[in-house]
Amino acid sequence: ELDLGYLFLPVEEPEWLKDTSAHVLRKPLNQLTRTITEVVMAAYGEGSRRLLFQEGPVGSADRALGAHLSGEIARRRLYGKGFDAEVELRFDGGSVAGNGLAAFNVEGVKVVVEGGAQDGVAKGAFGGVVAVLKGKNPYGTYVDGSVGKSFAYGAIGGLLIVEGVADSRFCIRLSGADVVLGGEPERPLRDDLGNLAARAQAKGFAFEYMTRGRALVLGDPGPWICSGMTGGRVYLRHWPEMGLTEEALKRRLAKGAKVAVKPLDARGVEDVRELLAAYLRVLREARREEKARRLEALLQDPQVHFRLVEPVNQQVEQGVSTE
């Protein structure tokens, strides 16, 4: 007989495995987004109608900032309680907000970050303003202003701005919002080196499955753009001195994308001026007058500085998604 009784005996824990350290306690993740709602609603209940919540720096553990507040405002409006205040959430001091910043943002809420933000910024936004701007480093230089993946995923409303660069799938399934990507190339394009995404201001697959909305790109839109795009309009920077020629823009289209790159029409001129003017206002509010003045020159002749990208067979009813 084979005795297997030892298999059922308890195993003694070695001394070196015994944990004698203190139990480490940390603040709960996502706590700040709830705190914002509590503070804003308390002030609103006291009669305030213009509210500014300022905090910084925030970090990656501070997720979904503003999303909890937008949810509370949406519920109040949906169930007849109403909410008629204007709220600005400002995160400065070199903040890099965690995932989901301003997700599902609603009208009347403005979220501004000076620094950067991670994935999922402004996903599903319904309205309001979301701006991720550069922040000052210890030497007084403005840096970053960038966002992670899937900025403005499925956003159907609002003004959404990135001053720096955006990771992959920028504006995927964009469904009605206005978007500005303000990053610009620092040197002429070198497409001959390959790996276009590494040097682009959007890191690939921008405007996939876009059905509606407007987007303005001031730099290199990156490779594989506009795959499955069926509606909306994208305005790309035409800047031959930096290598952003019409041919270079066409090289960035996804294989099989059913879109055309063409000169601006009258509506395109109006769109570019509206989007660029909105971007300049946000820059000036952030005391970035020098940069705003430089970009103002683009307003004079949009037909020279931009090209329109839109689906070849544009869907007729823009209020209906084809997804």
Protein backbone atom coordinates (compact mmCIF):
# COMPACT_ATOMS: atom_id res chain seq x y z
CA GLU A 1 0.00 0.00 0.00
CA LEU A 2 1.07 3.57 -0.72
CA ASP A 3 0.49 5.99 2.19
CA LEU A 4 -0.64 9.39 0.86
CA GLY A 5 -1.73 10.75 4.21
CA TYR A 6 1.02 13.35 4.25
CA LEU A 7 -0.69 15.13 1.38
CA PHE A 8 -3.49 16.15 3.73
CA LEU A 9 -1.26 17.57 6.45
CA PRO A 10 -1.22 21.38 6.87
CA VAL A 11 1.90 23.08 5.57
CA GLU A 12 3.75 25.24 8.02
CA GLU A 13 4.50 28.74 6.80
CA PRO A 14 8.24 29.46 6.71
CA GLU A 15 9.42 32.32 8.88
CA TRP A 16 10.69 34.27 5.88
CA LEU A 17 7.18 34.31 4.38
CA LYS A 18 5.48 35.74 7.44
CA ASP A 19 4.47 39.36 6.85
CA THR A 20 5.29 41.52 9.84
CA SER A 21 5.05 44.83 8.00
CA ALA A 22 2.37 47.42 8.61
CA HIS A 23 -0.91 47.32 6.71
CA VAL A 24 -0.52 50.10 4.16
CA LEU A 25 -3.59 52.30 3.70
CA ARG A 26 -4.12 54.70 0.82
CA LYS A 27 -6.91 57.01 -0.26
CA PRO A 28 -9.48 55.27 -2.49
CA LEU A 29 -8.98 55.64 -6.22
CA ASN A 30 -11.39 58.03 -7.93
CA GLN A 31 -12.17 59.81 -4.65
CA LEU A 32 -11.43 63.27 -6.04
CA THR A 33 -14.10 63.04 -8.75
CA ARG A 34 -16.74 62.41 -6.05
CA THR A 35 -15.38 65.21 -3.89
CA ILE A 36 -15.70 67.63 -6.81
CA THR A 37 -19.38 66.77 -7.16
CA GLU A 38 -20.03 67.26 -3.45
CA VAL A 39 -18.29 70.65 -3.36
CA VAL A 40 -19.95 71.92 -6.55
CA MET A 41 -23.44 70.80 -5.54
CA ALA A 42 -23.06 72.33 -2.09
CA ALA A 43 -22.13 75.70 -3.61
CA TYR A 44 -24.96 75.41 -6.14
CA GLY A 45 -27.41 74.75 -3.32
CA GLU A 46 -26.27 78.00 -1.68
CA GLY A 47 -27.14 79.96 -4.82
CA SER A 48 -23.81 80.15 -6.70
CA ARG A 49 -24.18 80.00 -10.48
CA ARG A 50 -20.59 80.52 -11.66
CA LEU A 51 -18.28 78.01 -10.07
CA LEU A 52 -14.54 77.38 -10.37
CA PHE A 53 -12.96 74.30 -8.80
CA GLN A 54 -9.17 74.51 -8.92
CA GLU A 55 -6.76 71.73 -7.90
CA GLY A 56 -3.27 70.65 -8.76
CA PRO A 57 -1.25 68.83 -9.45
CA VAL A 58 -3.42 65.75 -9.94
CA GLY A 59 -2.01 62.39 -11.00
CA SER A 60 -2.81 59.05 -12.59
CA ALA A 61 -4.73 57.81 -9.53
CA ASP A 62 -7.19 60.68 -10.01
CA ARG A 63 -9.40 59.02 -12.60
CA ALA A 64 -12.62 60.10 -14.31
CA LEU A 65 -12.27 63.66 -13.04
CA GLY A 66 -15.45 65.54 -13.90
CA ALA A 67 -17.32 62.42 -15.01
CA HIS A 68 -19.09 61.99 -11.66
CA LEU A 69 -20.17 65.64 -11.75
CA SER A 70 -21.51 65.36 -15.31
CA GLY A 71 -23.51 62.31 -14.29
CA GLU A 72 -25.07 64.16 -11.37
CA ILE A 73 -25.93 67.17 -13.54
CA ALA A 74 -27.45 64.92 -16.22
CA ARG A 75 -29.65 63.18 -13.64
CA ARG A 76 -30.85 66.50 -12.22
CA ARG A 77 -31.81 67.72 -15.67
CA LEU A 78 -33.40 64.42 -16.63
CA TYR A 79 -35.59 64.23 -13.54
CA GLY A 80 -36.67 67.87 -13.52
CA LYS A 81 -34.47 69.25 -10.73
CA GLY A 82 -32.51 71.39 -13.16
CA PHE A 83 -28.97 72.74 -13.08
CA ASP A 84 -28.34 76.18 -14.59
CA ALA A 85 -24.83 76.95 -13.32
CA GLU A 86 -21.58 77.22 -15.28
CA VAL A 87 -18.82 75.08 -13.79
CA GLU A 88 -15.12 75.16 -14.58
CA LEU A 89 -12.78 72.47 -13.30
CA ARG A 90 -9.15 73.52 -13.61
CA PHE A 91 -6.25 71.16 -12.87
CA ASP A 92 -2.90 72.91 -13.06
CA GLY A 93 0.58 72.70 -11.61
CA GLY A 94 1.79 70.11 -14.10
CA SER A 95 -1.17 67.78 -13.65
CA VAL A 96 -1.40 64.50 -15.57
CA ALA A 97 -5.00 63.42 -15.05
CA GLY A 98 -5.83 59.71 -14.91
CA ASN A 99 -7.99 57.70 -17.30
CA GLY A 100 -11.44 58.98 -18.23
CA LEU A 101 -10.94 62.70 -17.67
CA ALA A 102 -14.22 64.50 -18.49
CA ALA A 103 -15.86 61.33 -19.76
CA PHE A 104 -19.50 61.95 -20.76
CA ASN A 105 -19.01 65.67 -20.22
CA VAL A 106 -22.21 67.73 -20.38
CA GLU A 107 -23.15 71.25 -21.42
CA GLY A 108 -22.21 73.86 -18.83
CA VAL A 109 -19.07 72.04 -17.65
CA LYS A 110 -15.61 73.19 -18.71
CA VAL A 111 -12.58 71.05 -17.84
CA VAL A 112 -9.08 72.45 -18.33
CA VAL A 113 -5.84 70.62 -17.57
CA GLU A 114 -2.42 72.25 -17.74
CA GLY A 115 -0.07 69.32 -18.12
CA GLY A 116 -1.50 66.19 -19.74
CA ALA A 117 -3.99 63.35 -19.42
CA GLN A 118 -4.13 59.60 -19.91
CA ASP A 119 -6.50 57.41 -21.96
CA GLY A 120 -10.17 58.02 -22.63
CA VAL A 121 -10.33 61.80 -22.28
CA ALA A 122 -13.79 63.18 -23.17
CA LYS A 123 -15.11 59.82 -24.31
CA GLY A 124 -18.83 59.99 -24.99
CA ALA A 125 -18.89 63.75 -24.37
CA PHE A 126 -22.30 65.39 -24.79
CA GLY A 127 -21.23 69.04 -24.56
CA GLY A 128 -19.22 71.61 -22.68
CA VAL A 129 -15.51 72.28 -23.16
CA VAL A 130 -12.55 69.99 -22.50
CA ALA A 131 -9.02 71.33 -23.03
CA VAL A 132 -5.71 69.61 -22.31
CA LEU A 133 -3.03 72.29 -22.52
CA LYS A 134 0.70 72.44 -21.99
CA GLY A 135 1.96 73.25 -18.52
CA LYS A 136 5.06 75.14 -17.40
CA ASN A 137 8.07 73.10 -16.32
CA PRO A 138 10.51 74.33 -13.62
CA TYR A 139 12.42 76.27 -16.30
CA GLY A 140 9.38 78.21 -17.46
CA THR A 141 8.96 76.26 -20.72
CA TYR A 142 5.53 75.02 -21.77
CA VAL A 143 5.65 71.23 -22.26
CA ASP A 144 3.39 68.19 -22.75
CA GLY A 145 -0.27 69.06 -23.34
CA SER A 146 -0.76 65.53 -24.63
CA VAL A 147 -3.39 62.81 -24.20
CA GLY A 148 -3.50 59.02 -24.23
CA LYS A 149 -5.49 56.67 -26.42
CA SER A 150 -9.02 57.17 -27.74
CA PHE A 151 -9.45 60.88 -27.11
CA ALA A 152 -13.09 61.90 -27.76
CA TYR A 153 -14.23 58.30 -28.36
CA GLY A 154 -17.80 58.52 -29.64
CA ALA A 155 -18.18 62.14 -28.53
CA ILE A 156 -21.40 63.67 -29.82
CA GLY A 157 -21.07 67.26 -28.60
CA GLY A 158 -18.85 69.92 -27.09
CA LEU A 159 -15.54 71.60 -27.92
CA LEU A 160 -12.61 69.25 -27.27
CA ILE A 161 -9.01 70.51 -27.50
CA VAL A 162 -5.54 68.99 -27.25
CA GLU A 163 -2.60 71.39 -27.46
CA GLY A 164 0.08 68.71 -27.73
CA VAL A 165 0.00 65.25 -29.32
CA ALA A 166 -2.48 62.39 -29.08
CA ASP A 167 -1.90 58.66 -28.83
CA SER A 168 -3.59 56.20 -31.20
CA ARG A 169 -7.27 56.14 -32.15
CA PHE A 170 -7.78 59.85 -31.77
CA CYS A 171 -11.47 60.69 -32.35
CA ILE A 172 -12.50 57.11 -33.09
CA ARG A 173 -16.26 56.99 -33.71
CA LEU A 174 -16.52 60.77 -33.41
CA SER A 175 -20.24 61.50 -33.64
CA GLY A 176 -20.81 65.25 -33.60
CA ALA A 177 -18.30 67.05 -31.38
CA ASP A 178 -15.89 69.79 -32.47
CA VAL A 179 -12.23 68.83 -31.99
CA VAL A 180 -8.89 70.63 -32.34
CA LEU A 181 -5.50 68.89 -32.24
CA GLY A 182 -3.02 71.73 -31.82
CA GLY A 183 0.33 69.91 -31.88
CA GLU A 184 2.68 70.98 -34.68
CA PRO A 185 5.80 69.34 -36.15
CA GLU A 186 9.08 70.81 -34.94
CA ARG A 187 10.97 69.87 -38.11
CA PRO A 188 10.11 68.85 -41.69
CA LEU A 189 8.57 65.41 -42.16
CA ARG A 190 10.85 62.46 -42.96
CA ASP A 191 8.48 59.87 -44.36
CA ASP A 192 11.47 58.14 -45.97
CA LEU A 193 12.47 56.92 -42.50
CA GLY A 194 9.26 54.90 -42.16
CA ASN A 195 7.34 54.45 -38.88
CA LEU A 196 5.29 57.61 -39.47
CA ALA A 197 3.44 57.35 -36.17
CA ALA A 198 6.58 57.88 -34.11
CA ARG A 199 6.96 61.45 -35.34
CA ALA A 200 3.30 62.35 -35.94
CA GLN A 201 1.06 64.45 -33.71
CA ALA A 202 -1.58 61.69 -33.76
CA LYS A 203 -0.16 58.20 -33.36
CA GLY A 204 -2.30 56.25 -35.80
CA PHE A 205 -5.88 55.24 -36.69
CA ALA A 206 -7.33 58.73 -36.12
CA PHE A 207 -10.97 59.30 -37.13
CA GLU A 208 -11.83 55.60 -37.50
CA TYR A 209 -15.56 55.05 -38.04
CA MET A 210 -16.27 58.77 -37.72
CA THR A 211 -19.92 59.49 -38.49
CA ARG A 212 -20.40 63.17 -37.67
CA GLY A 213 -18.65 66.27 -36.31
CA ARG A 214 -15.72 68.50 -37.21
CA ALA A 215 -12.01 68.14 -36.48
CA LEU A 216 -9.08 70.48 -37.11
CA VAL A 217 -5.51 69.12 -37.10
CA LEU A 218 -2.61 71.61 -37.02
CA GLY A 219 0.14 69.02 -37.43
CA ASP A 220 0.84 65.55 -38.81
CA PRO A 221 -2.37 63.46 -38.49
CA GLY A 222 -0.40 60.23 -38.46
CA PRO A 223 -0.87 57.02 -40.46
CA TRP A 224 -3.95 54.88 -41.20
CA ILE A 225 -6.50 57.67 -40.75
CA CYS A 226 -10.21 57.78 -41.63
CA SER A 227 -10.76 54.03 -41.91
CA GLY A 228 -14.50 53.37 -42.06
CA MET A 229 -15.33 57.08 -41.93
CA THR A 230 -18.88 57.67 -43.19
CA GLY A 231 -19.66 61.24 -42.11
CA GLY A 232 -18.33 64.47 -40.68
CA ARG A 233 -15.44 66.63 -41.83
CA VAL A 234 -11.72 66.62 -41.00
CA TYR A 235 -9.54 69.62 -41.79
CA LEU A 236 -5.83 68.83 -42.14
CA ARG A 237 -2.97 71.31 -42.12
CA HIS A 238 -1.46 71.94 -45.56
CA TRP A 239 2.11 73.05 -44.84
CA PRO A 240 4.48 72.21 -47.71
CA GLU A 241 7.45 73.86 -45.98
CA MET A 242 7.18 71.18 -43.26
CA GLY A 243 6.43 68.36 -45.68
CA LEU A 244 2.67 68.38 -45.14
CA THR A 245 1.85 68.40 -48.83
CA GLU A 246 -1.36 67.09 -50.34
CA GLU A 247 0.52 63.94 -51.39
CA ALA A 248 1.80 63.40 -47.84
CA LEU A 249 -1.72 63.78 -46.45
CA LYS A 250 -3.03 61.19 -48.90
CA ARG A 251 -0.27 58.77 -47.83
CA ARG A 252 -1.71 58.93 -44.33
CA LEU A 253 -5.12 57.62 -45.35
CA ALA A 254 -5.93 54.06 -44.34
CA LYS A 255 -5.91 51.51 -47.14
CA GLY A 256 -9.47 51.29 -48.42
CA ALA A 257 -10.66 54.46 -46.67
CA LYS A 258 -13.52 55.82 -48.77
CA VAL A 259 -12.61 59.49 -48.37
CA ALA A 260 -11.22 62.27 -50.53
CA VAL A 261 -8.63 64.97 -49.80
CA LYS A 262 -9.61 68.20 -51.52
CA PRO A 263 -9.48 72.01 -51.30
CA LEU A 264 -11.77 73.80 -48.87
CA ASP A 265 -15.23 74.79 -50.02
CA ALA A 266 -17.12 77.78 -48.58
CA ARG A 267 -18.41 75.70 -45.69
CA GLY A 268 -14.89 74.46 -45.01
CA VAL A 269 -13.53 78.00 -44.77
CA GLU A 270 -16.21 78.87 -42.22
CA ASP A 271 -15.57 75.67 -40.23
CA VAL A 272 -11.81 76.23 -40.05
CA ARG A 273 -12.26 79.82 -38.90
CA GLU A 274 -14.75 78.78 -36.21
CA LEU A 275 -12.61 75.93 -34.87
CA LEU A 276 -9.36 77.87 -34.96
CA ALA A 277 -10.95 80.93 -33.32
CA ALA A 278 -12.28 78.71 -30.52
CA TYR A 279 -8.80 77.26 -30.00
CA LEU A 280 -7.26 80.74 -29.88
CA ARG A 281 -9.79 81.82 -27.22
CA VAL A 282 -8.81 78.89 -25.01
CA LEU A 283 -5.10 79.68 -25.47
CA ARG A 284 -5.66 83.31 -24.52
CA GLU A 285 -7.64 82.33 -21.45
CA ALA A 286 -4.56 80.32 -20.43
CA ARG A 287 -2.34 83.41 -20.94
CA ARG A 288 -0.77 82.03 -24.14
CA GLU A 289 -1.03 85.25 -26.13
CA GLU A 290 2.24 84.81 -28.06
CA LYS A 291 1.22 81.44 -29.48
CA ALA A 292 -2.30 82.68 -30.21
CA ARG A 293 -0.94 85.61 -32.23
CA ARG A 294 1.28 83.30 -34.28
CA LEU A 295 -1.60 80.96 -35.15
CA GLU A 296 -3.92 83.87 -35.91
CA ALA A 297 -2.24 84.20 -39.31
CA LEU A 298 -3.92 80.95 -40.37
CA LEU A 299 -7.30 82.68 -40.19
CA GLN A 300 -6.45 85.00 -43.06
CA ASP A 301 -6.40 82.40 -45.83
CA PRO A 302 -7.71 78.99 -44.70
CA GLN A 303 -7.81 77.70 -48.31
CA VAL A 304 -4.01 77.87 -48.43
CA HIS A 305 -3.34 76.39 -45.00
CA PHE A 306 -5.84 73.50 -44.84
CA ARG A 307 -7.33 70.65 -46.83
CA LEU A 308 -10.71 68.98 -46.36
CA VAL A 309 -11.12 65.23 -45.85
CA GLU A 310 -14.64 63.85 -46.13
CA PRO A 311 -16.28 60.60 -47.26
CA VAL A 312 -16.67 60.15 -51.00
CA ASN A 313 -20.26 59.00 -50.48
CA GLN A 314 -21.26 61.34 -47.65
CA GLN A 315 -24.35 60.08 -45.85
CA VAL A 316 -27.24 62.47 -46.46
CA GLU A 317 -28.78 62.56 -42.98
CA GLN A 318 -26.01 63.56 -40.57
CA GLY A 319 -28.32 63.13 -37.58
CA VAL A 320 -28.36 59.36 -38.07
CA SER A 321 -25.36 57.19 -37.23
CA THR A 322 -24.55 54.42 -39.69
CA GLU A 323 -22.66 52.36 -37.10
